[in-house]
PDB file of N, CA and C in Angstrom:
ATOM      1  N   UNK A   1     139.359 -48.503  13.876  1.00  0.00           N
ATOM      2  CA  UNK A   1     138.267 -49.444  14.211  1.00  0.00           C
ATOM      3  C   UNK A   1     139.021 -51.135  14.501  1.00  0.00           C
ATOM      4  N   UNK A   2     138.332 -51.498  15.352  1.00  0.00           N
ATOM      5  CA  UNK A   2     139.084 -52.861  15.648  1.00  0.00           C
ATOM      6  C   UNK A   2     138.177 -54.149  15.702  1.00  0.00           C
ATOM      7  N   UNK A   3     138.558 -55.307  15.276  1.00  0.00           N
ATOM      8  CA  UNK A   3     137.996 -56.377  14.950  1.00  0.00           C
ATOM      9  C   UNK A   3     137.414 -57.214  16.311  1.00  0.00           C
ATOM     10  N   UNK A   4     136.083 -57.065  16.729  1.00  0.00           N
ATOM     11  CA  UNK A   4     135.934 -57.733  18.094  1.00  0.00           C
ATOM     12  C   UNK A   4     134.747 -59.020  17.976  1.00  0.00           C
ATOM     13  N   UNK A   5     134.715 -59.384  16.406  1.00  0.00           N
ATOM     14  CA  UNK A   5     133.976 -60.637  16.075  1.00  0.00           C
ATOM     15  C   UNK A   5     134.402 -61.793  17.087  1.00  0.00           C
ATOM     16  N   UNK A   6     135.590 -61.951  17.264  1.00  0.00           N
ATOM     17  CA  UNK A   6     136.092 -62.993  17.999  1.00  0.00           C
ATOM     18  C   UNK A   6     135.617 -63.061  19.575  1.00  0.00           C
ATOM     19  N   UNK A   7     135.811 -61.769  20.155  1.00  0.00           N
ATOM     20  CA  UNK A   7     135.310 -61.562  21.450  1.00  0.00           C
ATOM     21  C   UNK A   7     133.874 -61.940  21.498  1.00  0.00           C
ATOM     22  N   UNK A   8     133.108 -61.513  20.507  1.00  0.00           N
ATOM     23  CA  UNK A   8     131.749 -61.468  20.704  1.00  0.00           C
ATOM     24  C   UNK A   8     131.199 -63.123  20.536  1.00  0.00           C
ATOM     25  N   UNK A   9     132.200 -63.815  19.887  1.00  0.00           N
ATOM     26  CA  UNK A   9     131.640 -65.205  19.633  1.00  0.00           C
ATOM     27  C   UNK A   9     132.212 -65.997  20.984  1.00  0.00           C
ATOM     28  N   UNK A  10     133.159 -65.510  21.601  1.00  0.00           N
ATOM     29  CA  UNK A  10     133.720 -66.185  22.812  1.00  0.00           C
ATOM     30  C   UNK A  10     132.635 -66.032  23.708  1.00  0.00           C
ATOM     31  N   UNK A  11     132.133 -64.928  23.819  1.00  0.00           N
ATOM     32  CA  UNK A  11     131.220 -64.424  25.043  1.00  0.00           C
ATOM     33  C   UNK A  11     129.854 -65.037  24.714  1.00  0.00           C
ATOM     34  N   UNK A  12     129.564 -65.127  23.383  1.00  0.00           N
ATOM     35  CA  UNK A  12     128.053 -66.052  23.291  1.00  0.00           C
ATOM     36  C   UNK A  12     128.405 -67.289  23.762  1.00  0.00           C
ATOM     37  N   UNK A  13     129.492 -68.093  23.537  1.00  0.00           N
ATOM     38  CA  UNK A  13     129.632 -69.295  23.984  1.00  0.00           C
ATOM     39  C   UNK A  13     129.522 -69.556  25.275  1.00  0.00           C
ATOM     40  N   UNK A  14     130.438 -68.514  25.984  1.00  0.00           N
ATOM     41  CA  UNK A  14     130.469 -68.486  27.588  1.00  0.00           C
ATOM     42  C   UNK A  14     129.259 -68.372  28.015  1.00  0.00           C
ATOM     43  N   UNK A  15     128.211 -67.566  27.674  1.00  0.00           N
ATOM     44  CA  UNK A  15     126.944 -67.310  28.351  1.00  0.00           C
ATOM     45  C   UNK A  15     126.031 -68.710  27.966  1.00  0.00           C
ATOM     46  N   UNK A  16     126.293 -69.220  26.792  1.00  0.00           N
ATOM     47  CA  UNK A  16     125.440 -70.406  26.463  1.00  0.00           C
ATOM     48  C   UNK A  16     125.728 -71.662  27.380  1.00  0.00           C
ATOM     49  N   UNK A  17     127.171 -71.674  27.645  1.00  0.00           N
ATOM     50  CA  UNK A  17     127.506 -72.801  28.644  1.00  0.00           C
ATOM     51  C   UNK A  17     127.185 -72.544  30.081  1.00  0.00           C
ATOM     52  N   UNK A  18     127.101 -71.304  30.452  1.00  0.00           N
ATOM     53  CA  UNK A  18     126.911 -71.008  31.637  1.00  0.00           C
ATOM     54  C   UNK A  18     128.145 -70.291  32.442  1.00  0.00           C
ATOM     55  N   UNK A  19     128.993 -69.762  31.885  1.00  0.00           N
ATOM     56  CA  UNK A  19     130.510 -69.871  32.448  1.00  0.00           C
ATOM     57  C   UNK A  19     130.164 -68.681  33.467  1.00  0.00           C
ATOM     58  N   UNK A  20     131.072 -68.897  34.591  1.00  0.00           N
ATOM     59  CA  UNK A  20     130.793 -67.721  35.351  1.00  0.00           C
ATOM     60  C   UNK A  20     131.939 -66.462  34.909  1.00  0.00           C
ATOM     61  N   UNK A  21     131.337 -65.427  34.604  1.00  0.00           N
ATOM     62  CA  UNK A  21     132.237 -64.388  33.892  1.00  0.00           C
ATOM     63  C   UNK A  21     132.930 -63.409  35.022  1.00  0.00           C
ATOM     64  N   UNK A  22     132.593 -63.675  36.371  1.00  0.00           N
ATOM     65  CA  UNK A  22     133.065 -62.886  37.375  1.00  0.00           C
ATOM     66  C   UNK A  22     134.268 -63.719  38.116  1.00  0.00           C
ATOM     67  N   UNK A  23     134.295 -64.905  37.569  1.00  0.00           N
ATOM     68  CA  UNK A  23     135.426 -65.624  38.162  1.00  0.00           C
ATOM     69  C   UNK A  23     136.883 -65.058  37.896  1.00  0.00           C
ATOM     70  N   UNK A  24     137.867 -65.094  38.649  1.00  0.00           N
ATOM     71  CA  UNK A  24     139.262 -64.884  38.080  1.00  0.00           C
ATOM     72  C   UNK A  24     139.738 -65.883  37.413  1.00  0.00           C
ATOM     73  N   UNK A  25     140.396 -65.968  36.148  1.00  0.00           N
ATOM     74  CA  UNK A  25     140.700 -67.153  35.715  1.00  0.00           C
ATOM     75  C   UNK A  25     142.120 -66.714  34.669  1.00  0.00           C
ATOM     76  N   UNK A  26     142.784 -67.658  34.035  1.00  0.00           N
ATOM     77  CA  UNK A  26     143.925 -67.229  33.263  1.00  0.00           C
ATOM     78  C   UNK A  26     143.244 -67.184  32.038  1.00  0.00           C
ATOM     79  N   UNK A  27     143.746 -66.054  31.222  1.00  0.00           N
ATOM     80  CA  UNK A  27     143.487 -65.744  29.919  1.00  0.00           C
ATOM     81  C   UNK A  27     144.613 -65.865  29.168  1.00  0.00           C
ATOM     82  N   UNK A  28     144.770 -66.431  28.142  1.00  0.00           N
ATOM     83  CA  UNK A  28     146.099 -66.229  27.170  1.00  0.00           C
ATOM     84  C   UNK A  28     145.550 -65.413  25.895  1.00  0.00           C
ATOM     85  N   UNK A  29     146.528 -64.605  25.516  1.00  0.00           N
ATOM     86  CA  UNK A  29     146.425 -63.737  24.364  1.00  0.00           C
ATOM     87  C   UNK A  29     147.421 -64.211  23.229  1.00  0.00           C
ATOM     88  N   UNK A  30     147.260 -64.372  22.116  1.00  0.00           N
ATOM     89  CA  UNK A  30     148.174 -65.123  21.028  1.00  0.00           C
ATOM     90  C   UNK A  30     148.468 -63.934  19.974  1.00  0.00           C
ATOM     91  N   UNK A  31     150.053 -63.964  19.608  1.00  0.00           N
ATOM     92  CA  UNK A  31     150.427 -62.799  18.819  1.00  0.00           C
ATOM     93  C   UNK A  31     151.271 -63.775  17.789  1.00  0.00           C
ATOM     94  N   UNK A  32     151.486 -63.281  16.671  1.00  0.00           N
ATOM     95  CA  UNK A  32     152.665 -63.783  15.350  1.00  0.00           C
ATOM     96  C   UNK A  32     153.158 -62.698  15.047  1.00  0.00           C
ATOM     97  N   UNK A  33     154.512 -63.093  14.949  1.00  0.00           N
ATOM     98  CA  UNK A  33     155.642 -61.894  14.180  1.00  0.00           C
ATOM     99  C   UNK A  33     156.464 -62.498  13.370  1.00  0.00           C
ATOM    100  N   UNK A  34     156.812 -61.710  12.118  1.00  0.00           N
ATOM    101  CA  UNK A  34     157.798 -62.295  11.147  1.00  0.00           C
ATOM    102  C   UNK A  34     159.385 -62.359  11.638  1.00  0.00           C
ATOM    103  N   UNK A  35     159.745 -61.915  12.760  1.00  0.00           N
ATOM    104  CA  UNK A  35     160.720 -62.022  13.252  1.00  0.00           C
ATOM    105  C   UNK A  35     161.153 -61.892  14.577  1.00  0.00           C
ATOM    106  N   UNK A  36     162.323 -62.397  15.166  1.00  0.00           N
ATOM    107  CA  UNK A  36     162.280 -62.203  16.756  1.00  0.00           C
ATOM    108  C   UNK A  36     162.411 -60.887  17.169  1.00  0.00           C
ATOM    109  N   UNK A  37     163.013 -59.908  16.484  1.00  0.00           N
ATOM    110  CA  UNK A  37     162.950 -58.417  16.909  1.00  0.00           C
ATOM    111  C   UNK A  37     161.609 -57.850  17.049  1.00  0.00           C
ATOM    112  N   UNK A  38     160.672 -58.293  15.815  1.00  0.00           N
ATOM    113  CA  UNK A  38     159.300 -57.900  16.041  1.00  0.00           C
ATOM    114  C   UNK A  38     158.630 -58.433  17.391  1.00  0.00           C
ATOM    115  N   UNK A  39     158.795 -59.714  17.562  1.00  0.00           N
ATOM    116  CA  UNK A  39     158.413 -60.304  18.769  1.00  0.00           C
ATOM    117  C   UNK A  39     158.754 -59.816  20.205  1.00  0.00           C
ATOM    118  N   UNK A  40     160.032 -59.526  19.996  1.00  0.00           N
ATOM    119  CA  UNK A  40     160.773 -58.884  21.323  1.00  0.00           C
ATOM    120  C   UNK A  40     160.235 -57.218  21.547  1.00  0.00           C
ATOM    121  N   UNK A  41     159.969 -56.739  20.548  1.00  0.00           N
ATOM    122  CA  UNK A  41     159.444 -55.208  20.450  1.00  0.00           C
ATOM    123  C   UNK A  41     158.103 -55.438  21.024  1.00  0.00           C
ATOM    124  N   UNK A  42     157.097 -56.494  20.556  1.00  0.00           N
ATOM    125  CA  UNK A  42     156.040 -56.329  21.080  1.00  0.00           C
ATOM    126  C   UNK A  42     155.763 -56.684  22.667  1.00  0.00           C
ATOM    127  N   UNK A  43     156.743 -57.909  23.135  1.00  0.00           N
ATOM    128  CA  UNK A  43     157.105 -58.290  24.527  1.00  0.00           C
ATOM    129  C   UNK A  43     157.170 -57.277  25.316  1.00  0.00           C
ATOM    130  N   UNK A  44     158.260 -56.155  24.776  1.00  0.00           N
ATOM    131  CA  UNK A  44     158.692 -55.168  25.441  1.00  0.00           C
ATOM    132  C   UNK A  44     157.502 -54.039  26.079  1.00  0.00           C
ATOM    133  N   UNK A  45     156.446 -53.971  24.935  1.00  0.00           N
ATOM    134  CA  UNK A  45     155.426 -53.294  24.994  1.00  0.00           C
ATOM    135  C   UNK A  45     154.502 -53.662  25.974  1.00  0.00           C
ATOM    136  N   UNK A  46     154.440 -55.145  25.835  1.00  0.00           N
ATOM    137  CA  UNK A  46     153.337 -55.784  26.786  1.00  0.00           C
ATOM    138  C   UNK A  46     153.869 -55.666  28.220  1.00  0.00           C
ATOM    139  N   UNK A  47     155.231 -55.774  28.537  1.00  0.00           N
ATOM    140  CA  UNK A  47     155.842 -55.671  29.740  1.00  0.00           C
ATOM    141  C   UNK A  47     155.659 -54.534  30.366  1.00  0.00           C
ATOM    142  N   UNK A  48     155.873 -53.467  29.494  1.00  0.00           N
ATOM    143  CA  UNK A  48     155.506 -51.873  30.066  1.00  0.00           C
ATOM    144  C   UNK A  48     154.223 -51.611  30.403  1.00  0.00           C
ATOM    145  N   UNK A  49     153.145 -52.545  29.990  1.00  0.00           N
ATOM    146  CA  UNK A  49     151.758 -52.525  30.522  1.00  0.00           C
ATOM    147  C   UNK A  49     151.569 -53.666  31.731  1.00  0.00           C
ATOM    148  N   UNK A  50     152.702 -54.025  32.125  1.00  0.00           N
ATOM    149  CA  UNK A  50     152.639 -55.137  33.171  1.00  0.00           C
ATOM    150  C   UNK A  50     151.876 -56.493  32.908  1.00  0.00           C
ATOM    151  N   UNK A  51     151.991 -56.784  31.541  1.00  0.00           N
ATOM    152  CA  UNK A  51     151.317 -58.217  31.077  1.00  0.00           C
ATOM    153  C   UNK A  51     152.560 -59.096  30.885  1.00  0.00           C
ATOM    154  N   UNK A  52     152.149 -60.379  31.728  1.00  0.00           N
ATOM    155  CA  UNK A  52     153.210 -61.248  31.729  1.00  0.00           C
ATOM    156  C   UNK A  52     153.260 -61.829  30.191  1.00  0.00           C
ATOM    157  N   UNK A  53     154.457 -62.223  29.645  1.00  0.00           N
ATOM    158  CA  UNK A  53     154.434 -62.594  28.036  1.00  0.00           C
ATOM    159  C   UNK A  53     155.785 -63.310  28.302  1.00  0.00           C
ATOM    160  N   UNK A  54     155.884 -64.275  26.987  1.00  0.00           N
ATOM    161  CA  UNK A  54     156.955 -65.042  26.455  1.00  0.00           C
ATOM    162  C   UNK A  54     157.047 -65.230  24.904  1.00  0.00           C
ATOM    163  N   UNK A  55     158.186 -65.326  24.344  1.00  0.00           N
ATOM    164  CA  UNK A  55     158.401 -65.373  22.928  1.00  0.00           C
ATOM    165  C   UNK A  55     158.822 -66.841  22.637  1.00  0.00           C
ATOM    166  N   UNK A  56     158.309 -67.246  21.762  1.00  0.00           N
ATOM    167  CA  UNK A  56     158.573 -68.608  21.353  1.00  0.00           C
ATOM    168  C   UNK A  56     158.794 -68.763  19.679  1.00  0.00           C
ATOM    169  N   UNK A  57     159.621 -69.388  19.330  1.00  0.00           N
ATOM    170  CA  UNK A  57     159.835 -69.586  17.575  1.00  0.00           C
ATOM    171  C   UNK A  57     159.188 -70.981  17.128  1.00  0.00           C
ATOM    172  N   UNK A  58     158.412 -70.898  16.220  1.00  0.00           N
ATOM    173  CA  UNK A  58     157.816 -72.072  15.676  1.00  0.00           C
ATOM    174  C   UNK A  58     158.646 -72.996  14.903  1.00  0.00           C
ATOM    175  N   UNK A  59     158.680 -74.246  15.280  1.00  0.00           N
ATOM    176  CA  UNK A  59     159.913 -75.273  14.631  1.00  0.00           C
ATOM    177  C   UNK A  59     159.503 -75.528  13.266  1.00  0.00           C
ATOM    178  N   UNK A  60     160.022 -75.007  12.240  1.00  0.00           N
ATOM    179  CA  UNK A  60     159.862 -75.377  10.701  1.00  0.00           C
ATOM    180  C   UNK A  60     160.816 -76.467  10.471  1.00  0.00           C
ATOM    181  N   UNK A  61     160.148 -77.760  10.209  1.00  0.00           N
ATOM    182  CA  UNK A  61     161.022 -78.763   9.643  1.00  0.00           C
ATOM    183  C   UNK A  61     162.173 -78.452   8.608  1.00  0.00           C
ATOM    184  N   UNK A  62     163.448 -79.338   8.566  1.00  0.00           N
ATOM    185  CA  UNK A  62     164.528 -78.890   7.950  1.00  0.00           C
ATOM    186  C   UNK A  62     164.110 -78.850   6.556  1.00  0.00           C
ATOM    187  N   UNK A  63     163.159 -79.711   6.175  1.00  0.00           N
ATOM    188  CA  UNK A  63     162.808 -79.819   4.385  1.00  0.00           C
ATOM    189  C   UNK A  63     161.991 -78.415   4.298  1.00  0.00           C
ATOM    190  N   UNK A  64     161.453 -77.873   5.032  1.00  0.00           N
ATOM    191  CA  UNK A  64     160.561 -76.750   4.896  1.00  0.00           C
ATOM    192  C   UNK A  64     161.215 -75.639   4.792  1.00  0.00           C
ATOM    193  N   UNK A  65     162.477 -75.337   5.192  1.00  0.00           N
ATOM    194  CA  UNK A  65     162.739 -74.320   5.539  1.00  0.00           C
ATOM    195  C   UNK A  65     163.454 -73.367   4.081  1.00  0.00           C
ATOM    196  N   UNK A  66     163.402 -74.116   3.024  1.00  0.00           N
ATOM    197  CA  UNK A  66     163.695 -73.430   1.997  1.00  0.00           C
ATOM    198  C   UNK A  66     162.249 -72.781   1.435  1.00  0.00           C
ATOM    199  N   UNK A  67     161.150 -73.304   2.032  1.00  0.00           N
ATOM    200  CA  UNK A  67     159.856 -72.484   1.459  1.00  0.00           C
ATOM    201  C   UNK A  67     159.163 -71.650   2.300  1.00  0.00           C
ATOM    202  N   UNK A  68     159.576 -72.045   3.774  1.00  0.00           N
ATOM    203  CA  UNK A  68     158.766 -71.258   4.903  1.00  0.00           C
ATOM    204  C   UNK A  68     159.900 -70.478   5.830  1.00  0.00           C
ATOM    205  N   UNK A  69     159.717 -69.337   6.365  1.00  0.00           N
ATOM    206  CA  UNK A  69     160.357 -68.708   7.362  1.00  0.00           C
ATOM    207  C   UNK A  69     159.983 -69.015   8.524  1.00  0.00           C
ATOM    208  N   UNK A  70     160.441 -68.878   9.578  1.00  0.00           N
ATOM    209  CA  UNK A  70     160.127 -69.306  10.765  1.00  0.00           C
ATOM    210  C   UNK A  70     159.209 -68.435  11.318  1.00  0.00           C
ATOM    211  N   UNK A  71     158.119 -68.440  12.186  1.00  0.00           N
ATOM    212  CA  UNK A  71     157.490 -67.644  12.807  1.00  0.00           C
ATOM    213  C   UNK A  71     157.773 -67.377  14.296  1.00  0.00           C
ATOM    214  N   UNK A  72     157.596 -66.124  14.730  1.00  0.00           N
ATOM    215  CA  UNK A  72     157.834 -65.950  15.988  1.00  0.00           C
ATOM    216  C   UNK A  72     156.441 -65.620  16.871  1.00  0.00           C
ATOM    217  N   UNK A  73     155.914 -66.320  17.522  1.00  0.00           N
ATOM    218  CA  UNK A  73     154.939 -66.146  18.629  1.00  0.00           C
ATOM    219  C   UNK A  73     155.127 -65.548  19.889  1.00  0.00           C
ATOM    220  N   UNK A  74     154.118 -64.722  20.383  1.00  0.00           N
ATOM    221  CA  UNK A  74     154.120 -64.271  21.849  1.00  0.00           C
ATOM    222  C   UNK A  74     153.019 -64.544  22.506  1.00  0.00           C
ATOM    223  N   UNK A  75     153.072 -65.057  23.644  1.00  0.00           N
ATOM    224  CA  UNK A  75     151.923 -65.578  24.385  1.00  0.00           C
ATOM    225  C   UNK A  75     152.115 -64.575  25.657  1.00  0.00           C
ATOM    226  N   UNK A  76     150.906 -64.004  25.863  1.00  0.00           N
ATOM    227  CA  UNK A  76     150.697 -63.033  26.938  1.00  0.00           C
ATOM    228  C   UNK A  76     149.514 -63.758  27.703  1.00  0.00           C
ATOM    229  N   UNK A  77     149.753 -63.549  29.144  1.00  0.00           N
ATOM    230  CA  UNK A  77     148.830 -64.183  30.152  1.00  0.00           C
ATOM    231  C   UNK A  77     148.434 -63.204  30.871  1.00  0.00           C
ATOM    232  N   UNK A  78     147.079 -63.270  31.593  1.00  0.00           N
ATOM    233  CA  UNK A  78     146.672 -62.117  32.625  1.00  0.00           C
ATOM    234  C   UNK A  78     145.719 -63.122  33.368  1.00  0.00           C
ATOM    235  N   UNK A  79     145.695 -62.739  34.639  1.00  0.00           N
ATOM    236  CA  UNK A  79     144.687 -63.451  35.412  1.00  0.00           C
ATOM    237  C   UNK A  79     143.596 -62.350  35.839  1.00  0.00           C
ATOM    238  N   UNK A  80     142.535 -62.531  35.351  1.00  0.00           N
ATOM    239  CA  UNK A  80     141.273 -61.495  35.483  1.00  0.00           C
ATOM    240  C   UNK A  80     139.950 -62.306  35.156  1.00  0.00           C
ATOM    241  N   UNK A  81     138.931 -61.615  35.779  1.00  0.00           N
ATOM    242  CA  UNK A  81     137.572 -61.935  35.303  1.00  0.00           C
ATOM    243  C   UNK A  81     137.314 -61.648  34.053  1.00  0.00           C
ATOM    244  N   UNK A  82     136.334 -61.942  33.316  1.00  0.00           N
ATOM    245  CA  UNK A  82     136.018 -62.087  32.088  1.00  0.00           C
ATOM    246  C   UNK A  82     134.905 -60.794  31.660  1.00  0.00           C
ATOM    247  N   UNK A  83     135.439 -59.604  31.796  1.00  0.00           N
ATOM    248  CA  UNK A  83     134.652 -58.381  31.726  1.00  0.00           C
ATOM    249  C   UNK A  83     134.539 -58.091  30.303  1.00  0.00           C
ATOM    250  N   UNK A  84     133.300 -58.114  29.786  1.00  0.00           N
ATOM    251  CA  UNK A  84     133.412 -57.818  28.261  1.00  0.00           C
ATOM    252  C   UNK A  84     133.946 -56.420  27.739  1.00  0.00           C
ATOM    253  N   UNK A  85     133.410 -55.294  28.358  1.00  0.00           N
ATOM    254  CA  UNK A  85     134.036 -54.196  27.978  1.00  0.00           C
ATOM    255  C   UNK A  85     135.557 -54.088  28.111  1.00  0.00           C
ATOM    256  N   UNK A  86     136.344 -54.570  29.003  1.00  0.00           N
ATOM    257  CA  UNK A  86     137.414 -54.547  29.098  1.00  0.00           C
ATOM    258  C   UNK A  86     138.118 -55.513  28.492  1.00  0.00           C
ATOM    259  N   UNK A  87     137.597 -56.735  28.051  1.00  0.00           N
ATOM    260  CA  UNK A  87     138.324 -57.488  27.056  1.00  0.00           C
ATOM    261  C   UNK A  87     138.483 -56.907  25.491  1.00  0.00           C
ATOM    262  N   UNK A  88     137.130 -56.041  25.305  1.00  0.00           N
ATOM    263  CA  UNK A  88     137.320 -55.599  23.912  1.00  0.00           C
ATOM    264  C   UNK A  88     138.426 -54.249  23.925  1.00  0.00           C
ATOM    265  N   UNK A  89     138.632 -53.721  25.027  1.00  0.00           N
ATOM    266  CA  UNK A  89     139.833 -52.615  25.159  1.00  0.00           C
ATOM    267  C   UNK A  89     141.097 -53.424  24.789  1.00  0.00           C
ATOM    268  N   UNK A  90     141.128 -54.394  25.817  1.00  0.00           N
ATOM    269  CA  UNK A  90     142.403 -55.226  25.598  1.00  0.00           C
ATOM    270  C   UNK A  90     142.511 -55.733  24.278  1.00  0.00           C
ATOM    271  N   UNK A  91     141.631 -56.266  23.508  1.00  0.00           N
ATOM    272  CA  UNK A  91     141.706 -56.480  21.793  1.00  0.00           C
ATOM    273  C   UNK A  91     142.304 -55.383  21.261  1.00  0.00           C
ATOM    274  N   UNK A  92     141.517 -54.388  21.350  1.00  0.00           N
ATOM    275  CA  UNK A  92     141.808 -53.182  20.378  1.00  0.00           C
ATOM    276  C   UNK A  92     143.436 -52.789  20.765  1.00  0.00           C
ATOM    277  N   UNK A  93     143.913 -52.690  22.003  1.00  0.00           N
ATOM    278  CA  UNK A  93     145.211 -52.356  22.387  1.00  0.00           C
ATOM    279  C   UNK A  93     146.192 -53.570  21.805  1.00  0.00           C
ATOM    280  N   UNK A  94     145.873 -54.559  22.179  1.00  0.00           N
ATOM    281  CA  UNK A  94     146.603 -55.908  21.525  1.00  0.00           C
ATOM    282  C   UNK A  94     146.707 -55.790  19.974  1.00  0.00           C
ATOM    283  N   UNK A  95     145.575 -55.377  19.330  1.00  0.00           N
ATOM    284  CA  UNK A  95     145.826 -55.404  17.880  1.00  0.00           C
ATOM    285  C   UNK A  95     146.609 -54.065  17.402  1.00  0.00           C
ATOM    286  N   UNK A  96     146.734 -52.999  18.161  1.00  0.00           N
ATOM    287  CA  UNK A  96     147.593 -51.999  17.978  1.00  0.00           C
ATOM    288  C   UNK A  96     148.942 -52.552  17.906  1.00  0.00           C
ATOM    289  N   UNK A  97     149.232 -53.140  19.030  1.00  0.00           N
ATOM    290  CA  UNK A  97     150.465 -53.599  19.411  1.00  0.00           C
ATOM    291  C   UNK A  97     151.158 -54.378  18.359  1.00  0.00           C
ATOM    292  N   UNK A  98     150.258 -55.517  18.006  1.00  0.00           N
ATOM    293  CA  UNK A  98     150.635 -56.207  16.984  1.00  0.00           C
ATOM    294  C   UNK A  98     151.039 -55.382  15.556  1.00  0.00           C
ATOM    295  N   UNK A  99     149.910 -54.580  15.224  1.00  0.00           N
ATOM    296  CA  UNK A  99     150.093 -53.684  14.137  1.00  0.00           C
ATOM    297  C   UNK A  99     151.520 -53.181  13.962  1.00  0.00           C
ATOM    298  N   UNK A 100     151.729 -52.308  14.947  1.00  0.00           N
ATOM    299  CA  UNK A 100     153.030 -51.469  15.269  1.00  0.00           C
ATOM    300  C   UNK A 100     154.245 -52.201  15.253  1.00  0.00           C
ATOM    301  N   UNK A 101     154.160 -53.551  15.621  1.00  0.00           N
ATOM    302  CA  UNK A 101     155.244 -54.365  15.323  1.00  0.00           C
ATOM    303  C   UNK A 101     155.363 -55.473  14.073  1.00  0.00           C
ATOM    304  N   UNK A 102     154.670 -55.107  13.162  1.00  0.00           N
ATOM    305  CA  UNK A 102     154.589 -55.630  12.100  1.00  0.00           C
ATOM    306  C   UNK A 102     153.937 -57.127  12.141  1.00  0.00           C
ATOM    307  N   UNK A 103     153.426 -57.416  12.785  1.00  0.00           N
ATOM    308  CA  UNK A 103     152.688 -58.998  13.378  1.00  0.00           C
ATOM    309  C   UNK A 103     150.993 -58.969  13.333  1.00  0.00           C
ATOM    310  N   UNK A 104     150.563 -59.961  13.911  1.00  0.00           N
ATOM    311  CA  UNK A 104     149.142 -60.138  13.729  1.00  0.00           C
ATOM    312  C   UNK A 104     148.631 -60.546  15.309  1.00  0.00           C
ATOM    313  N   UNK A 105     147.382 -59.913  15.828  1.00  0.00           N
ATOM    314  CA  UNK A 105     147.062 -60.624  16.967  1.00  0.00           C
ATOM    315  C   UNK A 105     145.958 -61.772  16.738  1.00  0.00           C
ATOM    316  N   UNK A 106     146.095 -62.602  17.389  1.00  0.00           N
ATOM    317  CA  UNK A 106     145.239 -63.892  17.084  1.00  0.00           C
ATOM    318  C   UNK A 106     144.226 -64.176  17.745  1.00  0.00           C
ATOM    319  N   UNK A 107     144.134 -63.329  18.982  1.00  0.00           N
ATOM    320  CA  UNK A 107     142.926 -63.534  19.870  1.00  0.00           C
ATOM    321  C   UNK A 107     143.227 -64.135  21.126  1.00  0.00           C
ATOM    322  N   UNK A 108     142.376 -64.639  22.044  1.00  0.00           N
ATOM    323  CA  UNK A 108     142.567 -65.015  23.333  1.00  0.00           C
ATOM    324  C   UNK A 108     141.394 -66.249  23.426  1.00  0.00           C
ATOM    325  N   UNK A 109     141.954 -66.779  24.708  1.00  0.00           N
ATOM    326  CA  UNK A 109     141.215 -67.973  25.234  1.00  0.00           C
ATOM    327  C   UNK A 109     141.260 -67.649  26.844  1.00  0.00           C
ATOM    328  N   UNK A 110     140.071 -68.524  27.423  1.00  0.00           N
ATOM    329  CA  UNK A 110     140.052 -68.155  28.780  1.00  0.00           C
ATOM    330  C   UNK A 110     139.831 -69.876  29.355  1.00  0.00           C
ATOM    331  N   UNK A 111     140.694 -70.170  30.614  1.00  0.00           N
ATOM    332  CA  UNK A 111     140.747 -71.622  31.074  1.00  0.00           C
ATOM    333  C   UNK A 111     139.321 -71.667  31.761  1.00  0.00           C
ATOM    334  N   UNK A 112     138.799 -72.591  31.557  1.00  0.00           N
ATOM    335  CA  UNK A 112     137.536 -73.267  32.298  1.00  0.00           C
ATOM    336  C   UNK A 112     137.603 -74.273  33.082  1.00  0.00           C
ATOM    337  N   UNK A 113     138.732 -74.640  33.373  1.00  0.00           N
ATOM    338  CA  UNK A 113     138.939 -76.016  33.863  1.00  0.00           C
ATOM    339  C   UNK A 113     138.393 -75.681  35.486  1.00  0.00           C
ATOM    340  N   UNK A 114     137.822 -76.769  35.868  1.00  0.00           N
ATOM    341  CA  UNK A 114     137.228 -76.708  37.205  1.00  0.00           C
ATOM    342  C   UNK A 114     136.026 -76.174  37.207  1.00  0.00           C
ATOM    343  N   UNK A 115     135.492 -75.426  36.205  1.00  0.00           N
ATOM    344  CA  UNK A 115     134.026 -74.949  36.222  1.00  0.00           C
ATOM    345  C   UNK A 115     132.963 -76.108  35.701  1.00  0.00           C
ATOM    346  N   UNK A 116     131.558 -75.753  36.274  1.00  0.00           N
ATOM    347  CA  UNK A 116     130.655 -76.628  35.809  1.00  0.00           C
ATOM    348  C   UNK A 116     130.120 -76.121  34.694  1.00  0.00           C
ATOM    349  N   UNK A 117     130.060 -76.736  33.663  1.00  0.00           N
ATOM    350  CA  UNK A 117     129.437 -76.052  32.363  1.00  0.00           C
ATOM    351  C   UNK A 117     128.693 -76.946  31.724  1.00  0.00           C
ATOM    352  N   UNK A 118     127.542 -76.452  31.257  1.00  0.00           N
ATOM    353  CA  UNK A 118     126.584 -76.949  30.286  1.00  0.00           C
ATOM    354  C   UNK A 118     127.022 -76.847  28.840  1.00  0.00           C
ATOM    355  N   UNK A 119     127.460 -78.042  28.277  1.00  0.00           N
ATOM    356  CA  UNK A 119     128.161 -78.066  27.055  1.00  0.00           C
ATOM    357  C   UNK A 119     126.973 -78.495  26.110  1.00  0.00           C
ATOM    358  N   UNK A 120     125.736 -78.760  26.411  1.00  0.00           N
ATOM    359  CA  UNK A 120     124.804 -78.999  25.709  1.00  0.00           C
ATOM    360  C   UNK A 120     124.023 -77.879  24.931  1.00  0.00           C
ATOM    361  N   UNK A 121     124.315 -76.721  25.447  1.00  0.00           N
ATOM    362  CA  UNK A 121     123.593 -75.521  25.267  1.00  0.00           C
ATOM    363  C   UNK A 121     124.366 -74.857  23.840  1.00  0.00           C
ATOM    364  N   UNK A 122     125.474 -75.240  23.596  1.00  0.00           N
ATOM    365  CA  UNK A 122     126.364 -74.758  22.335  1.00  0.00           C
ATOM    366  C   UNK A 122     125.574 -74.890  21.225  1.00  0.00           C
ATOM    367  N   UNK A 123     125.596 -73.734  20.476  1.00  0.00           N
ATOM    368  CA  UNK A 123     125.012 -73.760  19.221  1.00  0.00           C
ATOM    369  C   UNK A 123     125.961 -73.782  18.050  1.00  0.00           C
TER     370      UNK A 123
END
């Protein structure tokens, strides 16, 4: 069972503001991993599924390095329409990948630049 609460919240906001869900747009998906090796493993799994992705290391200030280890993030990007059933399938798949690689899937965002949106309707 996978958590789709974030998907539901985003789609609710998109519907409230009148976003065109059929428009192809850039969608970014976020992952976090405890090591570079885990992040690279996840990235290879994404690449095998033809998902463009990059690995980043979070910068930890020198004085925090005694208390906090660096985290590695993976940013995956796809250009697609916001199809609700497909987004739920992607969320389930990405949660599986994150779990298999000892990390977490932090959700997604969709680029709305250039859209005519009604922000007054957001609850």
